[in-house]
């Protein structure tokens, strides 16, 4: 009986040690991934610039997505996307932007979806006039499962209506990685990066060229097949209208994703 208990204790210890090693490997992988994504957000010019404005704040986001199968089984490939955000800067003291986004989509396969959408961004930056930006855009999303996690690619091409008659054209590309942890599959490591470019020069939308980059690293928790929450650090690097004065925001971002 003593030998049996000893063997059981040794087996349990081996399992725990193995799990700890796997967890350490996963955390190292997260650190490396986060470093890569955040480094991508910080260009050498930005680090060297004396006029780089740095700020802190937070973004809160709720995203809902669903198929129209419940309305009509023939519409099972038609999807809807609704989203709302609230954004704060000035070291968390100032609400500067909201966002309402809605879109209709069509699933080309279980991995690929095309979208057509609309976004409204009411903006009140400190010391500047209120702006009510409206965007229309097509988008393409591709979800790629791999042995180490899920990679998602999302391409959007926005037509930004800011003020006046000029329309700014701004493509944006996101790459997102999600890795469930072995010891707790409901808990995931998440990293993503999104890059924005202005295709044309407009009076209110700035000069053509680089616009901004967003890099995120954090954790996600899946409550069930319909609800997931995420929280982490978001680094946002912004170019101004003339590419001379730049802003870097250090943000805490919280998100809730709902499939309904």
C-alpha atoms as a PDB file:
ATOM      1  CA  UNK A   1       0.000   0.000   0.000  1.00  0.00           C
ATOM      2  CA  UNK A   2       2.896   2.387   0.837  1.00  0.00           C
ATOM      3  CA  UNK A   3       4.561   1.625  -2.509  1.00  0.00           C
ATOM      4  CA  UNK A   4       1.257   2.311  -4.308  1.00  0.00           C
ATOM      5  CA  UNK A   5       0.851   5.670  -2.510  1.00  0.00           C
ATOM      6  CA  UNK A   6       4.464   6.593  -3.279  1.00  0.00           C
ATOM      7  CA  UNK A   7       4.057   5.768  -6.977  1.00  0.00           C
ATOM      8  CA  UNK A   8       0.830   7.788  -7.091  1.00  0.00           C
ATOM      9  CA  UNK A   9       2.507  10.776  -5.472  1.00  0.00           C
ATOM     10  CA  UNK A  10       5.413  10.582  -7.909  1.00  0.00           C
ATOM     11  CA  UNK A  11       3.024  10.358 -10.868  1.00  0.00           C
ATOM     12  CA  UNK A  12       1.048  13.378  -9.677  1.00  0.00           C
ATOM     13  CA  UNK A  13       4.273  15.326  -9.119  1.00  0.00           C
ATOM     14  CA  UNK A  14       5.465  14.492 -12.640  1.00  0.00           C
ATOM     15  CA  UNK A  15       2.151  15.663 -14.091  1.00  0.00           C
ATOM     16  CA  UNK A  16       2.315  18.940 -12.162  1.00  0.00           C
ATOM     17  CA  UNK A  17       5.939  19.557 -13.174  1.00  0.00           C
ATOM     18  CA  UNK A  18       5.117  18.844 -16.804  1.00  0.00           C
ATOM     19  CA  UNK A  19       2.159  21.240 -16.674  1.00  0.00           C
ATOM     20  CA  UNK A  20       4.316  23.948 -15.074  1.00  0.00           C
ATOM     21  CA  UNK A  21       6.920  23.564 -17.803  1.00  0.00           C
ATOM     22  CA  UNK A  22       4.231  23.890 -20.489  1.00  0.00           C
ATOM     23  CA  UNK A  23       2.815  26.987 -18.796  1.00  0.00           C
ATOM     24  CA  UNK A  24       6.259  28.602 -18.593  1.00  0.00           C
ATOM     25  CA  UNK A  25       6.831  27.890 -22.294  1.00  0.00           C
ATOM     26  CA  UNK A  26       3.480  29.460 -23.147  1.00  0.00           C
ATOM     27  CA  UNK A  27       4.183  32.579 -21.078  1.00  0.00           C
ATOM     28  CA  UNK A  28       7.583  32.941 -22.759  1.00  0.00           C
ATOM     29  CA  UNK A  29       5.868  32.663 -26.124  1.00  0.00           C
ATOM     30  CA  UNK A  30       3.406  35.401 -25.093  1.00  0.00           C
ATOM     31  CA  UNK A  31       6.231  37.680 -23.989  1.00  0.00           C
ATOM     32  CA  UNK A  32       8.065  37.206 -27.270  1.00  0.00           C
ATOM     33  CA  UNK A  33       4.895  37.715 -29.330  1.00  0.00           C
ATOM     34  CA  UNK A  34       3.923  40.818 -27.365  1.00  0.00           C
ATOM     35  CA  UNK A  35       7.405  42.275 -27.774  1.00  0.00           C
ATOM     36  CA  UNK A  36       7.259  41.744 -31.532  1.00  0.00           C
ATOM     37  CA  UNK A  37       3.819  43.309 -31.916  1.00  0.00           C
ATOM     38  CA  UNK A  38       4.583  46.305 -29.693  1.00  0.00           C
ATOM     39  CA  UNK A  39       7.957  46.856 -31.352  1.00  0.00           C
ATOM     40  CA  UNK A  40       6.107  47.035 -34.659  1.00  0.00           C
ATOM     41  CA  UNK A  41       4.060  49.917 -33.286  1.00  0.00           C
ATOM     42  CA  UNK A  42       7.119  51.964 -32.370  1.00  0.00           C
ATOM     43  CA  UNK A  43       9.151  53.076 -35.360  1.00  0.00           C
ATOM     44  CA  UNK A  44      12.764  54.291 -34.912  1.00  0.00           C
ATOM     45  CA  UNK A  45      11.694  57.774 -36.045  1.00  0.00           C
ATOM     46  CA  UNK A  46       9.012  57.847 -33.374  1.00  0.00           C
ATOM     47  CA  UNK A  47      11.449  56.904 -30.627  1.00  0.00           C
ATOM     48  CA  UNK A  48      13.928  59.539 -31.769  1.00  0.00           C
ATOM     49  CA  UNK A  49      11.397  62.342 -32.180  1.00  0.00           C
ATOM     50  CA  UNK A  50      11.552  65.091 -29.575  1.00  0.00           C
ATOM     51  CA  UNK A  51       7.965  66.112 -30.328  1.00  0.00           C
ATOM     52  CA  UNK A  52       6.412  62.720 -29.574  1.00  0.00           C
ATOM     53  CA  UNK A  53       3.388  63.267 -27.339  1.00  0.00           C
ATOM     54  CA  UNK A  54       2.680  60.358 -24.985  1.00  0.00           C
ATOM     55  CA  UNK A  55      -0.627  59.822 -23.249  1.00  0.00           C
ATOM     56  CA  UNK A  56      -2.561  57.154 -21.338  1.00  0.00           C
ATOM     57  CA  UNK A  57      -6.170  56.093 -21.448  1.00  0.00           C
ATOM     58  CA  UNK A  58      -8.552  53.239 -22.151  1.00  0.00           C
ATOM     59  CA  UNK A  59     -10.816  51.785 -24.816  1.00  0.00           C
ATOM     60  CA  UNK A  60     -13.969  49.831 -24.019  1.00  0.00           C
ATOM     61  CA  UNK A  61     -15.574  47.705 -26.723  1.00  0.00           C
ATOM     62  CA  UNK A  62     -18.647  45.499 -27.214  1.00  0.00           C
ATOM     63  CA  UNK A  63     -18.941  43.484 -30.452  1.00  0.00           C
ATOM     64  CA  UNK A  64     -21.890  41.386 -31.552  1.00  0.00           C
ATOM     65  CA  UNK A  65     -22.024  39.049 -34.536  1.00  0.00           C
ATOM     66  CA  UNK A  66     -24.658  36.635 -35.766  1.00  0.00           C
ATOM     67  CA  UNK A  67     -25.977  34.651 -38.679  1.00  0.00           C
ATOM     68  CA  UNK A  68     -29.479  35.366 -39.986  1.00  0.00           C
ATOM     69  CA  UNK A  69     -30.285  31.652 -39.881  1.00  0.00           C
ATOM     70  CA  UNK A  70     -32.764  32.278 -37.063  1.00  0.00           C
ATOM     71  CA  UNK A  71     -34.720  34.594 -39.359  1.00  0.00           C
ATOM     72  CA  UNK A  72     -34.685  32.202 -42.292  1.00  0.00           C
ATOM     73  CA  UNK A  73     -32.662  28.958 -42.660  1.00  0.00           C
ATOM     74  CA  UNK A  74     -31.848  30.017 -46.230  1.00  0.00           C
ATOM     75  CA  UNK A  75     -29.956  33.027 -44.794  1.00  0.00           C
ATOM     76  CA  UNK A  76     -27.493  30.927 -42.784  1.00  0.00           C
ATOM     77  CA  UNK A  77     -24.533  32.397 -44.724  1.00  0.00           C
ATOM     78  CA  UNK A  78     -25.655  35.996 -44.249  1.00  0.00           C
ATOM     79  CA  UNK A  79     -24.120  37.654 -41.189  1.00  0.00           C
ATOM     80  CA  UNK A  80     -24.598  40.874 -39.237  1.00  0.00           C
ATOM     81  CA  UNK A  81     -21.941  42.751 -37.237  1.00  0.00           C
ATOM     82  CA  UNK A  82     -22.718  45.463 -34.651  1.00  0.00           C
ATOM     83  CA  UNK A  83     -20.121  47.179 -32.481  1.00  0.00           C
ATOM     84  CA  UNK A  84     -19.812  50.031 -30.004  1.00  0.00           C
ATOM     85  CA  UNK A  85     -16.738  51.634 -28.429  1.00  0.00           C
ATOM     86  CA  UNK A  86     -15.974  54.370 -25.927  1.00  0.00           C
ATOM     87  CA  UNK A  87     -12.452  55.853 -25.806  1.00  0.00           C
ATOM     88  CA  UNK A  88     -10.733  57.941 -23.111  1.00  0.00           C
ATOM     89  CA  UNK A  89      -7.420  59.843 -23.113  1.00  0.00           C
ATOM     90  CA  UNK A  90      -5.839  62.635 -21.041  1.00  0.00           C
ATOM     91  CA  UNK A  91      -4.625  60.052 -18.498  1.00  0.00           C
ATOM     92  CA  UNK A  92      -8.162  58.632 -18.264  1.00  0.00           C
ATOM     93  CA  UNK A  93      -9.735  62.041 -17.548  1.00  0.00           C
ATOM     94  CA  UNK A  94     -11.246  62.887 -20.945  1.00  0.00           C
ATOM     95  CA  UNK A  95     -13.714  61.084 -23.203  1.00  0.00           C
ATOM     96  CA  UNK A  96     -12.516  61.873 -26.700  1.00  0.00           C
ATOM     97  CA  UNK A  97     -14.196  59.433 -29.073  1.00  0.00           C
ATOM     98  CA  UNK A  98     -17.068  57.030 -29.494  1.00  0.00           C
ATOM     99  CA  UNK A  99     -17.665  54.530 -32.248  1.00  0.00           C
ATOM    100  CA  UNK A 100     -20.737  52.819 -33.679  1.00  0.00           C
ATOM    101  CA  UNK A 101     -20.132  50.242 -36.405  1.00  0.00           C
ATOM    102  CA  UNK A 102     -22.559  48.022 -38.272  1.00  0.00           C
ATOM    103  CA  UNK A 103     -22.145  45.734 -41.266  1.00  0.00           C
ATOM    104  CA  UNK A 104     -23.752  43.006 -43.314  1.00  0.00           C
ATOM    105  CA  UNK A 105     -21.645  40.056 -44.404  1.00  0.00           C
ATOM    106  CA  UNK A 106     -21.646  36.837 -46.373  1.00  0.00           C
ATOM    107  CA  UNK A 107     -19.734  33.674 -45.449  1.00  0.00           C
ATOM    108  CA  UNK A 108     -17.847  32.391 -48.476  1.00  0.00           C
ATOM    109  CA  UNK A 109     -16.750  29.382 -46.403  1.00  0.00           C
ATOM    110  CA  UNK A 110     -16.322  28.446 -42.752  1.00  0.00           C
ATOM    111  CA  UNK A 111     -13.104  30.528 -42.800  1.00  0.00           C
ATOM    112  CA  UNK A 112     -13.741  33.457 -45.165  1.00  0.00           C
ATOM    113  CA  UNK A 113     -16.316  36.262 -44.867  1.00  0.00           C
ATOM    114  CA  UNK A 114     -16.856  39.429 -46.897  1.00  0.00           C
ATOM    115  CA  UNK A 115     -18.450  42.531 -45.372  1.00  0.00           C
ATOM    116  CA  UNK A 116     -19.946  45.908 -46.307  1.00  0.00           C
ATOM    117  CA  UNK A 117     -20.277  48.337 -43.429  1.00  0.00           C
ATOM    118  CA  UNK A 118     -20.747  51.803 -41.943  1.00  0.00           C
ATOM    119  CA  UNK A 119     -18.953  53.499 -39.021  1.00  0.00           C
ATOM    120  CA  UNK A 120     -19.749  56.681 -37.088  1.00  0.00           C
ATOM    121  CA  UNK A 121     -16.995  58.256 -34.960  1.00  0.00           C
ATOM    122  CA  UNK A 122     -17.987  61.335 -32.907  1.00  0.00           C
ATOM    123  CA  UNK A 123     -14.662  62.870 -31.793  1.00  0.00           C
ATOM    124  CA  UNK A 124     -13.788  65.658 -29.379  1.00  0.00           C
ATOM    125  CA  UNK A 125     -10.007  65.880 -29.043  1.00  0.00           C
ATOM    126  CA  UNK A 126      -8.593  68.197 -26.374  1.00  0.00           C
ATOM    127  CA  UNK A 127      -8.192  71.718 -27.746  1.00  0.00           C
ATOM    128  CA  UNK A 128      -9.765  70.890 -31.115  1.00  0.00           C
ATOM    129  CA  UNK A 129     -13.160  71.249 -32.760  1.00  0.00           C
ATOM    130  CA  UNK A 130     -15.752  68.496 -32.584  1.00  0.00           C
ATOM    131  CA  UNK A 131     -15.668  66.153 -35.608  1.00  0.00           C
ATOM    132  CA  UNK A 132     -18.391  63.727 -36.683  1.00  0.00           C
ATOM    133  CA  UNK A 133     -16.579  61.298 -38.948  1.00  0.00           C
ATOM    134  CA  UNK A 134     -18.537  58.790 -41.020  1.00  0.00           C
ATOM    135  CA  UNK A 135     -17.011  55.858 -42.900  1.00  0.00           C
ATOM    136  CA  UNK A 136     -18.226  53.311 -45.402  1.00  0.00           C
ATOM    137  CA  UNK A 137     -16.107  50.289 -46.177  1.00  0.00           C
ATOM    138  CA  UNK A 138     -15.805  46.801 -47.631  1.00  0.00           C
ATOM    139  CA  UNK A 139     -13.878  44.208 -45.625  1.00  0.00           C
ATOM    140  CA  UNK A 140     -12.558  40.683 -45.924  1.00  0.00           C
ATOM    141  CA  UNK A 141     -11.857  38.367 -42.984  1.00  0.00           C
ATOM    142  CA  UNK A 142     -10.060  35.038 -43.099  1.00  0.00           C
ATOM    143  CA  UNK A 143      -9.707  32.721 -40.068  1.00  0.00           C
ATOM    144  CA  UNK A 144      -6.828  30.228 -40.189  1.00  0.00           C
ATOM    145  CA  UNK A 145      -6.699  27.499 -37.500  1.00  0.00           C
ATOM    146  CA  UNK A 146      -3.167  26.192 -36.840  1.00  0.00           C
ATOM    147  CA  UNK A 147      -1.554  23.718 -34.464  1.00  0.00           C
ATOM    148  CA  UNK A 148      -0.507  26.536 -32.102  1.00  0.00           C
ATOM    149  CA  UNK A 149      -3.589  28.735 -32.264  1.00  0.00           C
ATOM    150  CA  UNK A 150      -5.921  30.683 -34.533  1.00  0.00           C
ATOM    151  CA  UNK A 151      -4.648  33.393 -36.881  1.00  0.00           C
ATOM    152  CA  UNK A 152      -7.173  35.911 -38.225  1.00  0.00           C
ATOM    153  CA  UNK A 153      -6.567  38.305 -41.117  1.00  0.00           C
ATOM    154  CA  UNK A 154      -8.883  41.286 -41.616  1.00  0.00           C
ATOM    155  CA  UNK A 155      -8.586  43.787 -44.470  1.00  0.00           C
ATOM    156  CA  UNK A 156     -10.725  46.957 -44.578  1.00  0.00           C
ATOM    157  CA  UNK A 157     -10.699  49.818 -47.088  1.00  0.00           C
ATOM    158  CA  UNK A 158     -12.377  52.852 -45.535  1.00  0.00           C
ATOM    159  CA  UNK A 159     -13.808  55.895 -47.270  1.00  0.00           C
ATOM    160  CA  UNK A 160     -13.585  58.543 -44.515  1.00  0.00           C
ATOM    161  CA  UNK A 161     -16.037  61.462 -44.646  1.00  0.00           C
ATOM    162  CA  UNK A 162     -14.551  64.030 -42.252  1.00  0.00           C
ATOM    163  CA  UNK A 163     -15.493  67.593 -43.231  1.00  0.00           C
ATOM    164  CA  UNK A 164     -15.832  69.414 -46.506  1.00  0.00           C
ATOM    165  CA  UNK A 165     -16.240  67.576 -49.784  1.00  0.00           C
ATOM    166  CA  UNK A 166     -12.969  65.610 -49.749  1.00  0.00           C
ATOM    167  CA  UNK A 167     -13.069  61.891 -49.036  1.00  0.00           C
ATOM    168  CA  UNK A 168     -10.014  60.209 -47.535  1.00  0.00           C
ATOM    169  CA  UNK A 169      -9.304  56.628 -48.586  1.00  0.00           C
ATOM    170  CA  UNK A 170      -7.644  54.596 -45.835  1.00  0.00           C
ATOM    171  CA  UNK A 171      -6.935  50.853 -46.038  1.00  0.00           C
ATOM    172  CA  UNK A 172      -6.169  49.015 -42.791  1.00  0.00           C
ATOM    173  CA  UNK A 173      -4.779  45.539 -42.224  1.00  0.00           C
ATOM    174  CA  UNK A 174      -5.122  43.510 -39.018  1.00  0.00           C
ATOM    175  CA  UNK A 175      -3.338  40.280 -38.106  1.00  0.00           C
ATOM    176  CA  UNK A 176      -4.582  38.599 -34.918  1.00  0.00           C
ATOM    177  CA  UNK A 177      -3.325  35.539 -33.020  1.00  0.00           C
ATOM    178  CA  UNK A 178      -5.236  33.607 -30.334  1.00  0.00           C
ATOM    179  CA  UNK A 179      -3.687  30.699 -28.400  1.00  0.00           C
ATOM    180  CA  UNK A 180      -5.756  28.735 -25.808  1.00  0.00           C
ATOM    181  CA  UNK A 181      -3.718  27.578 -22.818  1.00  0.00           C
ATOM    182  CA  UNK A 182      -3.390  23.823 -22.347  1.00  0.00           C
ATOM    183  CA  UNK A 183      -4.049  23.829 -18.601  1.00  0.00           C
ATOM    184  CA  UNK A 184      -7.193  25.992 -18.999  1.00  0.00           C
ATOM    185  CA  UNK A 185      -8.622  26.078 -22.571  1.00  0.00           C
ATOM    186  CA  UNK A 186     -11.068  28.833 -21.634  1.00  0.00           C
ATOM    187  CA  UNK A 187      -8.078  31.145 -21.053  1.00  0.00           C
ATOM    188  CA  UNK A 188      -6.258  32.400 -24.155  1.00  0.00           C
ATOM    189  CA  UNK A 189      -3.196  34.447 -25.000  1.00  0.00           C
ATOM    190  CA  UNK A 190      -4.031  37.124 -27.574  1.00  0.00           C
ATOM    191  CA  UNK A 191      -1.897  39.433 -29.709  1.00  0.00           C
ATOM    192  CA  UNK A 192      -2.807  41.539 -32.723  1.00  0.00           C
ATOM    193  CA  UNK A 193      -1.497  44.371 -34.853  1.00  0.00           C
ATOM    194  CA  UNK A 194      -3.333  46.727 -37.216  1.00  0.00           C
ATOM    195  CA  UNK A 195      -1.662  49.107 -39.684  1.00  0.00           C
ATOM    196  CA  UNK A 196      -3.386  52.125 -41.356  1.00  0.00           C
ATOM    197  CA  UNK A 197      -2.326  54.050 -44.493  1.00  0.00           C
ATOM    198  CA  UNK A 198      -3.791  57.197 -46.112  1.00  0.00           C
ATOM    199  CA  UNK A 199      -3.962  56.719 -49.852  1.00  0.00           C
ATOM    200  CA  UNK A 200      -4.657  60.353 -50.711  1.00  0.00           C
ATOM    201  CA  UNK A 201      -4.068  63.866 -49.368  1.00  0.00           C
ATOM    202  CA  UNK A 202      -7.147  65.775 -48.195  1.00  0.00           C
ATOM    203  CA  UNK A 203      -7.716  69.101 -46.452  1.00  0.00           C
ATOM    204  CA  UNK A 204      -9.060  67.592 -43.237  1.00  0.00           C
ATOM    205  CA  UNK A 205      -7.654  64.057 -43.461  1.00  0.00           C
ATOM    206  CA  UNK A 206      -3.967  64.891 -43.713  1.00  0.00           C
ATOM    207  CA  UNK A 207      -1.210  64.085 -46.152  1.00  0.00           C
ATOM    208  CA  UNK A 208      -1.015  60.726 -47.881  1.00  0.00           C
ATOM    209  CA  UNK A 209       1.182  58.097 -46.261  1.00  0.00           C
ATOM    210  CA  UNK A 210       1.369  56.334 -42.920  1.00  0.00           C
ATOM    211  CA  UNK A 211      -1.570  57.067 -40.607  1.00  0.00           C
ATOM    212  CA  UNK A 212      -1.316  54.923 -37.468  1.00  0.00           C
ATOM    213  CA  UNK A 213      -0.479  51.534 -35.981  1.00  0.00           C
ATOM    214  CA  UNK A 214      -2.162  49.641 -33.149  1.00  0.00           C
ATOM    215  CA  UNK A 215      -0.530  46.737 -31.305  1.00  0.00           C
ATOM    216  CA  UNK A 216      -2.288  44.706 -28.590  1.00  0.00           C
ATOM    217  CA  UNK A 217      -1.241  41.951 -26.170  1.00  0.00           C
ATOM    218  CA  UNK A 218      -3.516  40.471 -23.517  1.00  0.00           C
ATOM    219  CA  UNK A 219      -5.664  37.620 -22.249  1.00  0.00           C
ATOM    220  CA  UNK A 220      -9.088  36.306 -23.198  1.00  0.00           C
ATOM    221  CA  UNK A 221     -11.646  34.250 -21.303  1.00  0.00           C
ATOM    222  CA  UNK A 222     -14.347  32.201 -23.039  1.00  0.00           C
ATOM    223  CA  UNK A 223     -17.450  31.948 -20.834  1.00  0.00           C
ATOM    224  CA  UNK A 224     -19.334  29.782 -23.329  1.00  0.00           C
ATOM    225  CA  UNK A 225     -19.710  29.409 -27.109  1.00  0.00           C
ATOM    226  CA  UNK A 226     -21.539  32.743 -27.273  1.00  0.00           C
ATOM    227  CA  UNK A 227     -19.592  35.064 -24.944  1.00  0.00           C
ATOM    228  CA  UNK A 228     -15.871  35.899 -24.697  1.00  0.00           C
ATOM    229  CA  UNK A 229     -14.082  38.729 -22.858  1.00  0.00           C
ATOM    230  CA  UNK A 230     -10.610  40.130 -23.506  1.00  0.00           C
ATOM    231  CA  UNK A 231      -8.382  42.623 -21.664  1.00  0.00           C
ATOM    232  CA  UNK A 232      -4.853  43.843 -22.185  1.00  0.00           C
ATOM    233  CA  UNK A 233      -2.442  46.576 -23.257  1.00  0.00           C
ATOM    234  CA  UNK A 234      -2.935  48.507 -26.509  1.00  0.00           C
ATOM    235  CA  UNK A 235      -0.196  50.712 -27.958  1.00  0.00           C
ATOM    236  CA  UNK A 236      -1.461  53.253 -30.503  1.00  0.00           C
ATOM    237  CA  UNK A 237       1.036  55.278 -32.548  1.00  0.00           C
ATOM    238  CA  UNK A 238      -0.483  58.146 -34.595  1.00  0.00           C
ATOM    239  CA  UNK A 239       0.955  60.433 -37.253  1.00  0.00           C
ATOM    240  CA  UNK A 240      -0.498  63.927 -37.516  1.00  0.00           C
ATOM    241  CA  UNK A 241      -1.802  65.524 -40.723  1.00  0.00           C
ATOM    242  CA  UNK A 242       1.669  66.664 -41.854  1.00  0.00           C
ATOM    243  CA  UNK A 243       3.773  63.721 -40.556  1.00  0.00           C
ATOM    244  CA  UNK A 244       5.680  66.034 -38.198  1.00  0.00           C
ATOM    245  CA  UNK A 245       4.058  65.679 -34.770  1.00  0.00           C
ATOM    246  CA  UNK A 246       3.282  62.205 -33.473  1.00  0.00           C
ATOM    247  CA  UNK A 247       1.264  60.770 -30.602  1.00  0.00           C
ATOM    248  CA  UNK A 248       1.686  57.501 -28.718  1.00  0.00           C
ATOM    249  CA  UNK A 249      -1.149  56.337 -26.505  1.00  0.00           C
ATOM    250  CA  UNK A 250      -0.683  53.675 -23.822  1.00  0.00           C
ATOM    251  CA  UNK A 251      -4.136  52.172 -23.410  1.00  0.00           C
ATOM    252  CA  UNK A 252      -5.895  49.568 -21.311  1.00  0.00           C
ATOM    253  CA  UNK A 253      -8.402  47.857 -23.593  1.00  0.00           C
ATOM    254  CA  UNK A 254     -11.368  45.762 -22.504  1.00  0.00           C
ATOM    255  CA  UNK A 255     -13.648  43.921 -24.951  1.00  0.00           C
ATOM    256  CA  UNK A 256     -16.704  41.704 -24.864  1.00  0.00           C
ATOM    257  CA  UNK A 257     -17.589  39.582 -27.908  1.00  0.00           C
ATOM    258  CA  UNK A 258     -21.092  38.149 -28.242  1.00  0.00           C
ATOM    259  CA  UNK A 259     -22.395  35.640 -30.797  1.00  0.00           C
ATOM    260  CA  UNK A 260     -26.168  35.888 -30.852  1.00  0.00           C
END
